[in-house]
């Protein structure tokens, strides 16, 4: 629920009823921005994405679909080599509400096993629900598996073409810039990649620094 630029948005009322056991974050702390990039389909221009992040000395948190980990292992290993955070976005990007608890656990643990096979590392214990669709029960389940669920405080309709090209993601993000901003950006959007350099530079010009989601206190 967007507010004026510089003000933290409002969040659904249900979030106020979450217990300490239900580990979830929507927004961080301080004058920091947390760039999160969802990779659940098209890979987009990976070379340009990686170069833009490196040129601006920005680390991002990537929530990656298991099938893409399997198809593009070199990309995953490069993310880690560059210091980015890679987290669990399930194997198949299905709506978790349509699955049994056993199926949900399998989506998550199959990702863990594949990630370790590809990288030699244990996956970081941060998770994003496909489509952002969850329930209190699912949040409990994921929390019991040791994960903190990461939502967002800025998102865009960037899974479809943008009417004004790269201007749209730039305006969406800069117009909602606020302390602790957790930005959700889809990797497959060419407009996002085209706008990214300008976005990162202007976020820094506005006095913000960048952090990874594992720096946010649940």
N, C-alpha and C. Protein backbone atom coordinates (compact mmCIF):
# COMPACT_ATOMS: atom_id res chain seq x y z
N UNK A 1 0.85 -1.18 0.00
CA UNK A 1 0.00 0.00 0.00
C UNK A 1 0.89 1.24 0.00
N UNK A 2 1.17 1.72 -1.20
CA UNK A 2 2.16 2.77 -1.42
C UNK A 2 1.79 4.07 -0.72
N UNK A 3 2.82 4.73 -0.19
CA UNK A 3 2.68 6.06 0.39
C UNK A 3 3.60 7.00 -0.38
N UNK A 4 3.76 8.20 0.11
CA UNK A 4 4.62 9.17 -0.57
C UNK A 4 6.07 8.70 -0.59
N UNK A 5 6.81 9.17 -1.58
CA UNK A 5 8.23 8.82 -1.67
C UNK A 5 8.94 9.15 -0.35
N UNK A 6 9.73 8.20 0.13
CA UNK A 6 10.44 8.38 1.39
C UNK A 6 9.72 7.80 2.58
N UNK A 7 8.46 7.38 2.40
CA UNK A 7 7.68 6.79 3.49
C UNK A 7 7.50 5.30 3.26
N UNK A 8 7.68 4.52 4.33
CA UNK A 8 7.51 3.07 4.24
C UNK A 8 6.05 2.76 3.94
N UNK A 9 5.78 1.91 2.95
CA UNK A 9 4.39 1.59 2.61
C UNK A 9 3.67 0.88 3.75
N UNK A 10 2.35 0.84 3.66
CA UNK A 10 1.57 0.04 4.59
C UNK A 10 1.59 -1.42 4.14
N UNK A 11 1.35 -2.34 5.08
CA UNK A 11 1.35 -3.76 4.78
C UNK A 11 0.03 -4.38 5.22
N UNK A 12 -0.32 -5.54 4.67
CA UNK A 12 -1.60 -6.18 5.03
C UNK A 12 -1.74 -6.32 6.54
N UNK A 13 -2.96 -6.12 7.04
CA UNK A 13 -3.22 -6.18 8.47
C UNK A 13 -2.83 -7.49 9.10
N UNK A 14 -2.92 -8.57 8.33
CA UNK A 14 -2.62 -9.89 8.88
C UNK A 14 -1.18 -10.00 9.36
N UNK A 15 -0.29 -9.17 8.80
CA UNK A 15 1.11 -9.27 9.19
C UNK A 15 1.32 -8.89 10.66
N UNK A 16 0.41 -8.10 11.20
CA UNK A 16 0.53 -7.68 12.60
C UNK A 16 0.25 -8.83 13.56
N UNK A 17 -0.42 -9.87 13.05
CA UNK A 17 -0.78 -11.00 13.91
C UNK A 17 0.25 -12.12 13.85
N UNK A 18 1.27 -11.98 13.02
CA UNK A 18 2.27 -13.03 12.91
C UNK A 18 3.04 -13.18 14.22
N UNK A 19 3.35 -14.41 14.56
CA UNK A 19 4.11 -14.69 15.77
C UNK A 19 5.60 -14.68 15.45
N UNK A 20 6.42 -14.71 16.50
CA UNK A 20 7.88 -14.75 16.29
C UNK A 20 8.27 -16.02 15.55
N UNK A 21 7.47 -17.06 15.69
CA UNK A 21 7.76 -18.33 15.02
C UNK A 21 7.60 -18.22 13.51
N UNK A 22 6.70 -17.35 13.07
CA UNK A 22 6.44 -17.17 11.64
C UNK A 22 7.44 -16.16 11.08
N UNK A 23 8.54 -16.67 10.59
CA UNK A 23 9.66 -15.81 10.18
C UNK A 23 9.41 -15.26 8.78
N UNK A 24 9.21 -13.95 8.71
CA UNK A 24 8.95 -13.29 7.43
C UNK A 24 9.40 -11.85 7.50
N UNK A 25 9.84 -11.33 6.36
CA UNK A 25 10.23 -9.92 6.28
C UNK A 25 9.58 -9.28 5.06
N UNK A 26 9.19 -8.03 5.21
CA UNK A 26 8.66 -7.22 4.11
C UNK A 26 9.56 -6.02 3.83
N UNK A 27 10.18 -5.55 4.89
CA UNK A 27 10.96 -4.32 4.78
C UNK A 27 12.14 -4.41 5.74
N UNK A 28 13.25 -3.74 5.38
CA UNK A 28 14.44 -3.77 6.21
C UNK A 28 14.51 -2.56 7.12
N UNK A 29 15.72 -2.28 7.56
CA UNK A 29 15.92 -1.18 8.51
C UNK A 29 16.92 -0.16 7.96
N UNK A 30 16.73 1.08 8.40
CA UNK A 30 17.68 2.13 8.08
C UNK A 30 17.61 2.59 6.63
N UNK A 31 18.54 3.45 6.26
CA UNK A 31 18.54 3.99 4.90
C UNK A 31 19.27 3.04 3.96
N UNK A 32 18.64 1.85 3.83
CA UNK A 32 19.19 0.79 3.00
C UNK A 32 18.14 0.31 2.03
N UNK A 33 18.61 -0.17 0.90
CA UNK A 33 17.75 -0.79 -0.11
C UNK A 33 18.24 -2.22 -0.32
N UNK A 34 17.27 -3.13 -0.42
CA UNK A 34 17.57 -4.55 -0.63
C UNK A 34 17.01 -4.94 -1.99
N UNK A 35 17.90 -5.08 -2.97
CA UNK A 35 17.48 -5.44 -4.31
C UNK A 35 17.32 -6.96 -4.38
N UNK A 36 16.09 -7.41 -4.62
CA UNK A 36 15.84 -8.84 -4.78
C UNK A 36 15.38 -9.10 -6.21
N UNK A 37 15.96 -10.11 -6.82
CA UNK A 37 15.70 -10.42 -8.22
C UNK A 37 15.14 -11.83 -8.33
N UNK A 38 13.92 -11.93 -8.81
CA UNK A 38 13.27 -13.24 -8.98
C UNK A 38 13.60 -13.80 -10.35
N UNK A 39 14.06 -15.02 -10.35
CA UNK A 39 14.42 -15.72 -11.57
C UNK A 39 13.56 -16.98 -11.62
N UNK A 40 12.36 -16.82 -12.20
CA UNK A 40 11.42 -17.93 -12.25
C UNK A 40 11.05 -18.33 -13.66
N UNK A 41 11.76 -17.80 -14.64
CA UNK A 41 11.43 -18.09 -16.04
C UNK A 41 12.56 -17.68 -16.95
N UNK A 42 12.29 -16.70 -17.81
CA UNK A 42 13.28 -16.21 -18.78
C UNK A 42 14.50 -15.65 -18.05
N UNK A 43 15.67 -15.99 -18.54
CA UNK A 43 16.91 -15.54 -17.91
C UNK A 43 17.26 -14.10 -18.26
N UNK A 44 16.79 -13.59 -19.41
CA UNK A 44 17.12 -12.24 -19.82
C UNK A 44 18.59 -12.11 -20.21
N UNK A 45 19.07 -10.89 -20.23
CA UNK A 45 20.46 -10.61 -20.62
C UNK A 45 21.35 -10.76 -19.39
N UNK A 46 21.81 -11.98 -19.14
CA UNK A 46 22.57 -12.24 -17.91
C UNK A 46 23.91 -11.50 -17.89
N UNK A 47 24.55 -11.39 -19.05
CA UNK A 47 25.84 -10.71 -19.09
C UNK A 47 25.70 -9.24 -18.69
N UNK A 48 24.68 -8.59 -19.24
CA UNK A 48 24.46 -7.18 -18.91
C UNK A 48 24.06 -7.01 -17.45
N UNK A 49 23.24 -7.91 -16.94
CA UNK A 49 22.82 -7.86 -15.55
C UNK A 49 24.03 -7.96 -14.62
N UNK A 50 24.85 -8.96 -14.83
CA UNK A 50 26.01 -9.16 -13.97
C UNK A 50 26.98 -7.98 -14.05
N UNK A 51 27.19 -7.49 -15.26
CA UNK A 51 28.11 -6.36 -15.44
C UNK A 51 27.59 -5.10 -14.76
N UNK A 52 26.29 -4.85 -14.88
CA UNK A 52 25.71 -3.65 -14.26
C UNK A 52 25.85 -3.71 -12.75
N UNK A 53 25.58 -4.84 -12.16
CA UNK A 53 25.72 -4.98 -10.71
C UNK A 53 27.18 -4.80 -10.29
N UNK A 54 28.08 -5.40 -11.04
CA UNK A 54 29.51 -5.31 -10.70
C UNK A 54 30.01 -3.88 -10.87
N UNK A 55 29.65 -3.23 -11.97
CA UNK A 55 30.11 -1.86 -12.22
C UNK A 55 29.66 -0.89 -11.13
N UNK A 56 28.47 -1.16 -10.56
CA UNK A 56 27.93 -0.29 -9.52
C UNK A 56 28.25 -0.78 -8.12
N UNK A 57 28.99 -1.86 -8.04
CA UNK A 57 29.38 -2.45 -6.75
C UNK A 57 28.17 -2.70 -5.86
N UNK A 58 27.16 -3.32 -6.46
CA UNK A 58 25.93 -3.65 -5.75
C UNK A 58 25.76 -5.17 -5.70
N UNK A 59 25.47 -5.68 -4.52
CA UNK A 59 25.15 -7.09 -4.36
C UNK A 59 23.63 -7.23 -4.27
N UNK A 60 23.11 -8.26 -4.92
CA UNK A 60 21.66 -8.48 -4.95
C UNK A 60 21.34 -9.86 -4.39
N UNK A 61 20.08 -10.03 -4.00
CA UNK A 61 19.58 -11.31 -3.51
C UNK A 61 18.71 -11.93 -4.60
N UNK A 62 19.12 -13.09 -5.09
CA UNK A 62 18.43 -13.76 -6.19
C UNK A 62 17.60 -14.93 -5.65
N UNK A 63 16.32 -14.93 -6.02
CA UNK A 63 15.45 -16.07 -5.71
C UNK A 63 15.24 -16.82 -7.02
N UNK A 64 15.84 -18.01 -7.09
CA UNK A 64 15.98 -18.69 -8.37
C UNK A 64 15.22 -20.00 -8.39
N UNK A 65 14.54 -20.24 -9.48
CA UNK A 65 13.79 -21.47 -9.70
C UNK A 65 14.74 -22.64 -9.89
N UNK A 66 14.41 -23.77 -9.29
CA UNK A 66 15.28 -24.93 -9.37
C UNK A 66 15.58 -25.37 -10.78
N UNK A 67 14.59 -25.29 -11.67
CA UNK A 67 14.83 -25.72 -13.05
C UNK A 67 15.88 -24.85 -13.73
N UNK A 68 15.97 -23.57 -13.33
CA UNK A 68 17.01 -22.70 -13.89
C UNK A 68 18.38 -22.97 -13.26
N UNK A 69 18.39 -23.38 -12.01
CA UNK A 69 19.66 -23.81 -11.40
C UNK A 69 20.22 -24.99 -12.19
N UNK A 70 19.33 -25.89 -12.56
CA UNK A 70 19.74 -27.09 -13.31
C UNK A 70 20.21 -26.74 -14.72
N UNK A 71 19.50 -25.82 -15.39
CA UNK A 71 19.83 -25.47 -16.78
C UNK A 71 21.05 -24.56 -16.89
N UNK A 72 21.23 -23.68 -15.89
CA UNK A 72 22.28 -22.65 -15.99
C UNK A 72 23.20 -22.67 -14.77
N UNK A 73 23.88 -23.80 -14.53
CA UNK A 73 24.73 -23.89 -13.33
C UNK A 73 25.87 -22.89 -13.32
N UNK A 74 26.42 -22.56 -14.49
CA UNK A 74 27.52 -21.60 -14.53
C UNK A 74 27.07 -20.22 -14.07
N UNK A 75 25.85 -19.85 -14.42
CA UNK A 75 25.31 -18.56 -13.97
C UNK A 75 25.19 -18.53 -12.44
N UNK A 76 24.70 -19.61 -11.87
CA UNK A 76 24.55 -19.68 -10.41
C UNK A 76 25.91 -19.56 -9.74
N UNK A 77 26.88 -20.29 -10.26
CA UNK A 77 28.22 -20.23 -9.67
C UNK A 77 28.83 -18.84 -9.81
N UNK A 78 28.52 -18.16 -10.92
CA UNK A 78 29.04 -16.80 -11.10
C UNK A 78 28.41 -15.83 -10.11
N UNK A 79 27.12 -15.99 -9.85
CA UNK A 79 26.47 -15.15 -8.84
C UNK A 79 27.19 -15.26 -7.50
N UNK A 80 27.48 -16.47 -7.12
CA UNK A 80 28.16 -16.67 -5.83
C UNK A 80 29.56 -16.11 -5.87
N UNK A 81 30.26 -16.29 -6.97
CA UNK A 81 31.63 -15.77 -7.09
C UNK A 81 31.64 -14.25 -6.99
N UNK A 82 30.56 -13.61 -7.46
CA UNK A 82 30.47 -12.14 -7.42
C UNK A 82 29.94 -11.62 -6.09
N UNK A 83 29.61 -12.52 -5.18
CA UNK A 83 29.18 -12.10 -3.84
C UNK A 83 27.70 -11.90 -3.66
N UNK A 84 26.89 -12.31 -4.65
CA UNK A 84 25.44 -12.19 -4.51
C UNK A 84 24.88 -13.32 -3.64
N UNK A 85 23.70 -13.13 -3.14
CA UNK A 85 23.02 -14.15 -2.35
C UNK A 85 22.05 -14.91 -3.26
N UNK A 86 22.07 -16.22 -3.19
CA UNK A 86 21.15 -17.06 -3.97
C UNK A 86 20.26 -17.81 -3.00
N UNK A 87 18.95 -17.72 -3.20
CA UNK A 87 18.01 -18.31 -2.25
C UNK A 87 16.96 -19.16 -2.96
N UNK A 88 16.17 -19.84 -2.17
CA UNK A 88 15.24 -20.87 -2.62
C UNK A 88 13.92 -20.26 -3.12
N UNK A 89 13.57 -20.62 -4.36
CA UNK A 89 12.31 -20.16 -4.95
C UNK A 89 11.47 -21.36 -5.46
N UNK A 90 11.76 -22.53 -4.88
CA UNK A 90 11.13 -23.82 -5.22
C UNK A 90 11.69 -24.38 -6.52
N UNK A 91 11.31 -25.61 -6.81
CA UNK A 91 11.77 -26.27 -8.03
C UNK A 91 10.96 -25.89 -9.25
N UNK A 92 9.63 -25.73 -9.09
CA UNK A 92 8.77 -25.63 -10.28
C UNK A 92 7.87 -24.40 -10.33
N UNK A 93 7.95 -23.52 -9.30
CA UNK A 93 7.19 -22.27 -9.29
C UNK A 93 5.68 -22.51 -9.31
N UNK A 94 5.23 -23.48 -8.57
CA UNK A 94 3.79 -23.72 -8.45
C UNK A 94 3.24 -22.96 -7.25
N UNK A 95 1.97 -22.62 -7.31
CA UNK A 95 1.29 -21.98 -6.20
C UNK A 95 1.27 -22.96 -5.02
N UNK A 96 1.94 -22.62 -3.95
CA UNK A 96 2.06 -23.53 -2.81
C UNK A 96 0.71 -23.87 -2.18
N UNK A 97 -0.28 -22.99 -2.36
CA UNK A 97 -1.61 -23.23 -1.79
C UNK A 97 -2.31 -24.40 -2.46
N UNK A 98 -1.87 -24.80 -3.63
CA UNK A 98 -2.51 -25.89 -4.36
C UNK A 98 -1.85 -27.23 -4.09
N UNK A 99 -0.81 -27.26 -3.24
CA UNK A 99 -0.05 -28.47 -2.99
C UNK A 99 -0.28 -29.01 -1.59
N UNK A 100 -0.02 -30.29 -1.40
CA UNK A 100 -0.04 -30.87 -0.07
C UNK A 100 1.22 -30.45 0.68
N UNK A 101 1.20 -30.62 1.98
CA UNK A 101 2.38 -30.28 2.77
C UNK A 101 3.59 -31.08 2.30
N UNK A 102 3.37 -32.33 1.98
CA UNK A 102 4.47 -33.17 1.50
C UNK A 102 5.04 -32.64 0.19
N UNK A 103 4.16 -32.20 -0.70
CA UNK A 103 4.62 -31.63 -1.98
C UNK A 103 5.38 -30.33 -1.78
N UNK A 104 4.92 -29.51 -0.84
CA UNK A 104 5.60 -28.25 -0.55
C UNK A 104 7.01 -28.54 -0.04
N UNK A 105 7.11 -29.45 0.90
CA UNK A 105 8.44 -29.79 1.44
C UNK A 105 9.35 -30.31 0.33
N UNK A 106 8.80 -31.12 -0.57
CA UNK A 106 9.60 -31.68 -1.65
C UNK A 106 10.09 -30.59 -2.59
N UNK A 107 9.24 -29.60 -2.90
CA UNK A 107 9.65 -28.48 -3.74
C UNK A 107 10.88 -27.79 -3.14
N UNK A 108 10.88 -27.65 -1.84
CA UNK A 108 11.95 -26.93 -1.15
C UNK A 108 13.20 -27.80 -0.99
N UNK A 109 13.01 -29.04 -0.57
CA UNK A 109 14.18 -29.90 -0.33
C UNK A 109 14.83 -30.34 -1.64
N UNK A 110 14.04 -30.52 -2.70
CA UNK A 110 14.65 -30.85 -3.99
C UNK A 110 15.54 -29.71 -4.47
N UNK A 111 15.10 -28.47 -4.22
CA UNK A 111 15.94 -27.31 -4.55
C UNK A 111 17.23 -27.36 -3.74
N UNK A 112 17.11 -27.62 -2.44
CA UNK A 112 18.30 -27.67 -1.58
C UNK A 112 19.33 -28.67 -2.11
N UNK A 113 18.83 -29.86 -2.46
CA UNK A 113 19.73 -30.92 -2.92
C UNK A 113 20.40 -30.55 -4.24
N UNK A 114 19.62 -29.98 -5.16
CA UNK A 114 20.18 -29.57 -6.45
C UNK A 114 21.20 -28.46 -6.27
N UNK A 115 20.88 -27.49 -5.45
CA UNK A 115 21.78 -26.37 -5.21
C UNK A 115 23.12 -26.85 -4.66
N UNK A 116 23.07 -27.78 -3.72
CA UNK A 116 24.31 -28.29 -3.15
C UNK A 116 25.11 -29.06 -4.19
N UNK A 117 24.41 -29.79 -5.06
CA UNK A 117 25.10 -30.54 -6.12
C UNK A 117 25.80 -29.59 -7.08
N UNK A 118 25.15 -28.47 -7.41
CA UNK A 118 25.69 -27.52 -8.39
C UNK A 118 26.79 -26.65 -7.80
N UNK A 119 26.64 -26.25 -6.54
CA UNK A 119 27.55 -25.26 -5.95
C UNK A 119 28.50 -25.82 -4.91
N UNK A 120 28.17 -26.98 -4.35
CA UNK A 120 28.95 -27.52 -3.25
C UNK A 120 28.66 -26.85 -1.93
N UNK A 121 27.63 -26.00 -1.89
CA UNK A 121 27.27 -25.27 -0.67
C UNK A 121 25.85 -25.59 -0.23
N UNK A 122 25.58 -25.34 1.05
CA UNK A 122 24.21 -25.37 1.54
C UNK A 122 23.54 -24.06 1.11
N UNK A 123 22.27 -24.14 0.72
CA UNK A 123 21.56 -22.93 0.31
C UNK A 123 21.27 -22.07 1.53
N UNK A 124 21.31 -20.76 1.35
CA UNK A 124 20.95 -19.85 2.43
C UNK A 124 19.49 -20.05 2.81
N UNK A 125 19.17 -19.84 4.07
CA UNK A 125 17.83 -20.20 4.56
C UNK A 125 16.83 -19.04 4.41
N UNK A 126 16.75 -18.53 3.19
CA UNK A 126 15.75 -17.51 2.84
C UNK A 126 14.93 -18.03 1.67
N UNK A 127 13.65 -17.67 1.66
CA UNK A 127 12.70 -18.29 0.73
C UNK A 127 11.72 -17.24 0.22
N UNK A 128 11.32 -17.40 -1.04
CA UNK A 128 10.24 -16.56 -1.56
C UNK A 128 9.17 -17.45 -2.16
N UNK A 129 7.93 -17.23 -1.71
CA UNK A 129 6.80 -17.98 -2.25
C UNK A 129 6.57 -17.62 -3.71
N UNK A 130 6.40 -18.59 -4.60
CA UNK A 130 6.04 -18.27 -5.98
C UNK A 130 4.77 -17.43 -6.02
N UNK A 131 4.80 -16.38 -6.81
CA UNK A 131 3.68 -15.43 -6.96
C UNK A 131 3.39 -14.65 -5.66
N UNK A 132 4.19 -14.87 -4.62
CA UNK A 132 3.91 -14.25 -3.33
C UNK A 132 2.71 -14.83 -2.63
N UNK A 133 2.21 -15.97 -3.11
CA UNK A 133 0.99 -16.57 -2.56
C UNK A 133 1.34 -17.51 -1.41
N UNK A 134 0.72 -17.26 -0.28
CA UNK A 134 1.03 -18.04 0.91
C UNK A 134 -0.22 -18.11 1.79
N UNK A 135 -0.11 -18.80 2.89
CA UNK A 135 -1.14 -18.83 3.93
C UNK A 135 -0.42 -18.91 5.27
N UNK A 136 -1.10 -18.60 6.38
CA UNK A 136 -0.43 -18.74 7.68
C UNK A 136 0.10 -20.16 7.91
N UNK A 137 -0.66 -21.15 7.44
CA UNK A 137 -0.20 -22.52 7.58
C UNK A 137 1.09 -22.75 6.81
N UNK A 138 1.15 -22.28 5.57
CA UNK A 138 2.36 -22.45 4.77
C UNK A 138 3.54 -21.68 5.36
N UNK A 139 3.25 -20.51 5.90
CA UNK A 139 4.31 -19.72 6.52
C UNK A 139 4.89 -20.48 7.72
N UNK A 140 4.02 -21.14 8.47
CA UNK A 140 4.49 -21.97 9.58
C UNK A 140 5.35 -23.12 9.07
N UNK A 141 4.88 -23.77 8.01
CA UNK A 141 5.59 -24.92 7.46
C UNK A 141 7.00 -24.53 7.01
N UNK A 142 7.08 -23.43 6.26
CA UNK A 142 8.37 -22.98 5.75
C UNK A 142 9.27 -22.53 6.90
N UNK A 143 8.68 -21.87 7.89
CA UNK A 143 9.46 -21.44 9.06
C UNK A 143 10.00 -22.65 9.81
N UNK A 144 9.18 -23.69 9.94
CA UNK A 144 9.61 -24.90 10.64
C UNK A 144 10.76 -25.59 9.90
N UNK A 145 10.87 -25.35 8.60
CA UNK A 145 11.97 -25.91 7.82
C UNK A 145 13.24 -25.06 7.94
N UNK A 146 13.15 -23.99 8.73
CA UNK A 146 14.32 -23.16 8.99
C UNK A 146 14.46 -21.94 8.11
N UNK A 147 13.43 -21.64 7.31
CA UNK A 147 13.51 -20.54 6.35
C UNK A 147 12.82 -19.28 6.87
N UNK A 148 13.37 -18.15 6.48
CA UNK A 148 12.69 -16.86 6.61
C UNK A 148 12.11 -16.52 5.24
N UNK A 149 10.81 -16.24 5.18
CA UNK A 149 10.15 -15.90 3.92
C UNK A 149 10.32 -14.41 3.65
N UNK A 150 10.73 -14.11 2.43
CA UNK A 150 11.01 -12.72 2.04
C UNK A 150 9.92 -12.24 1.08
N UNK A 151 9.24 -11.19 1.47
CA UNK A 151 8.24 -10.56 0.62
C UNK A 151 8.86 -9.28 0.06
N UNK A 152 8.17 -8.15 0.05
CA UNK A 152 8.74 -6.95 -0.57
C UNK A 152 7.95 -5.72 -0.17
N UNK A 153 8.56 -4.55 -0.39
CA UNK A 153 7.84 -3.29 -0.16
C UNK A 153 7.73 -2.46 -1.44
N UNK A 154 8.37 -2.92 -2.52
CA UNK A 154 8.17 -2.34 -3.85
C UNK A 154 8.13 -3.47 -4.87
N UNK A 155 7.09 -3.52 -5.67
CA UNK A 155 6.98 -4.51 -6.75
C UNK A 155 6.38 -3.82 -7.97
N UNK A 156 6.52 -4.48 -9.12
CA UNK A 156 6.05 -3.89 -10.38
C UNK A 156 5.38 -4.98 -11.22
N UNK A 157 4.57 -4.56 -12.15
CA UNK A 157 4.00 -5.52 -13.12
C UNK A 157 5.02 -5.72 -14.25
N UNK A 158 6.16 -6.29 -13.88
CA UNK A 158 7.25 -6.37 -14.83
C UNK A 158 7.37 -7.75 -15.49
N UNK A 159 6.36 -8.58 -15.31
CA UNK A 159 6.33 -9.86 -16.02
C UNK A 159 5.65 -9.70 -17.40
N UNK A 160 5.27 -8.48 -17.70
CA UNK A 160 4.67 -8.17 -19.01
C UNK A 160 5.38 -6.94 -19.57
N UNK A 161 5.32 -6.72 -20.89
CA UNK A 161 6.02 -5.57 -21.48
C UNK A 161 5.57 -4.25 -20.85
N UNK A 162 6.52 -3.33 -20.70
CA UNK A 162 6.24 -2.04 -20.10
C UNK A 162 5.94 -1.02 -21.18
N UNK A 163 4.88 -0.27 -21.01
CA UNK A 163 4.40 0.67 -22.02
C UNK A 163 5.45 1.70 -22.41
N UNK A 164 6.16 2.21 -21.42
CA UNK A 164 7.14 3.27 -21.66
C UNK A 164 8.58 2.78 -21.57
N UNK A 165 8.78 1.51 -21.81
CA UNK A 165 10.12 0.95 -21.80
C UNK A 165 10.80 1.08 -20.45
N UNK A 166 12.10 1.37 -20.45
CA UNK A 166 12.89 1.42 -19.23
C UNK A 166 12.47 2.55 -18.28
N UNK A 167 11.72 3.52 -18.78
CA UNK A 167 11.25 4.59 -17.90
C UNK A 167 10.31 4.06 -16.83
N UNK A 168 9.53 3.04 -17.15
CA UNK A 168 8.54 2.53 -16.20
C UNK A 168 9.17 1.91 -14.96
N UNK A 169 10.11 0.96 -15.09
CA UNK A 169 10.72 0.45 -13.87
C UNK A 169 11.50 1.52 -13.11
N UNK A 170 12.14 2.43 -13.82
CA UNK A 170 12.86 3.51 -13.14
C UNK A 170 11.89 4.33 -12.29
N UNK A 171 10.79 4.74 -12.86
CA UNK A 171 9.82 5.57 -12.13
C UNK A 171 9.15 4.80 -11.00
N UNK A 172 8.85 3.51 -11.24
CA UNK A 172 8.23 2.69 -10.20
C UNK A 172 9.11 2.62 -8.96
N UNK A 173 10.38 2.42 -9.17
CA UNK A 173 11.30 2.24 -8.05
C UNK A 173 11.67 3.57 -7.40
N UNK A 174 12.03 4.55 -8.19
CA UNK A 174 12.44 5.83 -7.61
C UNK A 174 11.25 6.55 -6.96
N UNK A 175 10.05 6.33 -7.49
CA UNK A 175 8.87 6.97 -6.92
C UNK A 175 8.39 6.34 -5.63
N UNK A 176 8.95 5.18 -5.29
CA UNK A 176 8.55 4.50 -4.05
C UNK A 176 9.76 4.24 -3.16
N UNK A 177 10.85 4.96 -3.36
CA UNK A 177 12.05 4.75 -2.58
C UNK A 177 11.81 5.12 -1.12
N UNK A 178 12.20 4.24 -0.20
CA UNK A 178 11.95 4.48 1.21
C UNK A 178 12.95 3.68 2.06
N UNK A 179 13.14 4.04 3.31
CA UNK A 179 14.08 3.31 4.18
C UNK A 179 13.70 1.84 4.28
N UNK A 180 14.71 0.98 4.17
CA UNK A 180 14.48 -0.46 4.28
C UNK A 180 13.84 -1.08 3.07
N UNK A 181 13.81 -0.38 1.97
CA UNK A 181 13.10 -0.78 0.75
C UNK A 181 13.56 -2.17 0.25
N UNK A 182 12.62 -3.12 0.22
CA UNK A 182 12.88 -4.42 -0.40
C UNK A 182 12.25 -4.40 -1.78
N UNK A 183 13.09 -4.32 -2.80
CA UNK A 183 12.61 -4.20 -4.18
C UNK A 183 12.51 -5.58 -4.80
N UNK A 184 11.36 -5.88 -5.37
CA UNK A 184 11.18 -7.11 -6.15
C UNK A 184 11.27 -6.76 -7.63
N UNK A 185 12.23 -7.37 -8.31
CA UNK A 185 12.45 -7.14 -9.74
C UNK A 185 12.58 -8.51 -10.42
N UNK A 186 11.92 -8.69 -11.55
CA UNK A 186 12.02 -9.95 -12.27
C UNK A 186 13.16 -9.89 -13.30
N UNK A 187 13.99 -10.90 -13.28
CA UNK A 187 15.16 -10.93 -14.13
C UNK A 187 14.81 -10.97 -15.62
N UNK A 188 13.68 -11.59 -15.95
CA UNK A 188 13.32 -11.77 -17.34
C UNK A 188 12.82 -10.53 -18.05
N UNK A 189 12.63 -9.43 -17.31
CA UNK A 189 12.13 -8.18 -17.90
C UNK A 189 13.29 -7.41 -18.54
N UNK A 190 13.26 -7.25 -19.86
CA UNK A 190 14.35 -6.52 -20.52
C UNK A 190 14.36 -5.05 -20.11
N UNK A 191 13.18 -4.50 -19.81
CA UNK A 191 13.12 -3.11 -19.38
C UNK A 191 13.83 -2.91 -18.04
N UNK A 192 13.70 -3.91 -17.15
CA UNK A 192 14.41 -3.83 -15.87
C UNK A 192 15.92 -3.76 -16.08
N UNK A 193 16.41 -4.64 -16.94
CA UNK A 193 17.85 -4.70 -17.17
C UNK A 193 18.34 -3.41 -17.82
N UNK A 194 17.54 -2.86 -18.74
CA UNK A 194 17.91 -1.61 -19.40
C UNK A 194 17.95 -0.44 -18.40
N UNK A 195 17.06 -0.47 -17.43
CA UNK A 195 16.95 0.64 -16.47
C UNK A 195 17.88 0.49 -15.27
N UNK A 196 18.45 -0.69 -15.09
CA UNK A 196 19.11 -1.01 -13.82
C UNK A 196 20.28 -0.09 -13.49
N UNK A 197 21.13 0.21 -14.44
CA UNK A 197 22.29 1.05 -14.16
C UNK A 197 21.84 2.41 -13.62
N UNK A 198 20.89 3.01 -14.29
CA UNK A 198 20.37 4.32 -13.86
C UNK A 198 19.71 4.22 -12.48
N UNK A 199 18.98 3.15 -12.25
CA UNK A 199 18.31 2.96 -10.96
C UNK A 199 19.34 2.87 -9.83
N UNK A 200 20.34 2.03 -10.00
CA UNK A 200 21.34 1.84 -8.95
C UNK A 200 22.09 3.13 -8.66
N UNK A 201 22.47 3.84 -9.70
CA UNK A 201 23.20 5.09 -9.51
C UNK A 201 22.36 6.13 -8.78
N UNK A 202 21.09 6.23 -9.16
CA UNK A 202 20.24 7.26 -8.55
C UNK A 202 19.80 6.89 -7.14
N UNK A 203 19.70 5.61 -6.83
CA UNK A 203 19.43 5.20 -5.44
C UNK A 203 20.60 5.63 -4.56
N UNK A 204 21.81 5.43 -5.05
CA UNK A 204 22.99 5.86 -4.27
C UNK A 204 23.04 7.38 -4.15
N UNK A 205 22.68 8.09 -5.24
CA UNK A 205 22.68 9.56 -5.19
C UNK A 205 21.67 10.07 -4.15
N UNK A 206 20.61 9.28 -3.92
CA UNK A 206 19.59 9.67 -2.94
C UNK A 206 20.03 9.37 -1.51
N UNK A 207 21.24 8.83 -1.36
CA UNK A 207 21.78 8.63 -0.02
C UNK A 207 21.57 7.26 0.57
N UNK A 208 21.13 6.32 -0.25
CA UNK A 208 20.89 4.95 0.24
C UNK A 208 22.09 4.05 -0.08
N UNK A 209 22.29 3.05 0.76
CA UNK A 209 23.25 1.99 0.47
C UNK A 209 22.47 0.70 0.21
N UNK A 210 23.16 -0.34 -0.24
CA UNK A 210 22.50 -1.60 -0.59
C UNK A 210 22.88 -2.70 0.39
N UNK A 211 21.93 -3.58 0.67
CA UNK A 211 22.19 -4.72 1.54
C UNK A 211 21.59 -5.99 0.98
N UNK A 212 21.92 -7.12 1.60
CA UNK A 212 21.35 -8.40 1.23
C UNK A 212 20.27 -8.78 2.24
N UNK A 213 19.35 -9.64 1.82
CA UNK A 213 18.21 -9.93 2.70
C UNK A 213 18.60 -10.65 3.98
N UNK A 214 19.76 -11.31 3.99
CA UNK A 214 20.16 -11.97 5.23
C UNK A 214 20.66 -10.98 6.29
N UNK A 215 20.68 -9.69 5.94
CA UNK A 215 21.03 -8.65 6.90
C UNK A 215 19.79 -8.08 7.59
N UNK A 216 18.60 -8.46 7.11
CA UNK A 216 17.35 -7.94 7.68
C UNK A 216 16.96 -8.78 8.89
N UNK A 217 16.57 -8.11 9.95
CA UNK A 217 16.10 -8.81 11.15
C UNK A 217 14.64 -9.22 10.94
N UNK A 218 14.34 -10.52 11.03
CA UNK A 218 12.94 -10.97 10.84
C UNK A 218 12.00 -10.37 11.89
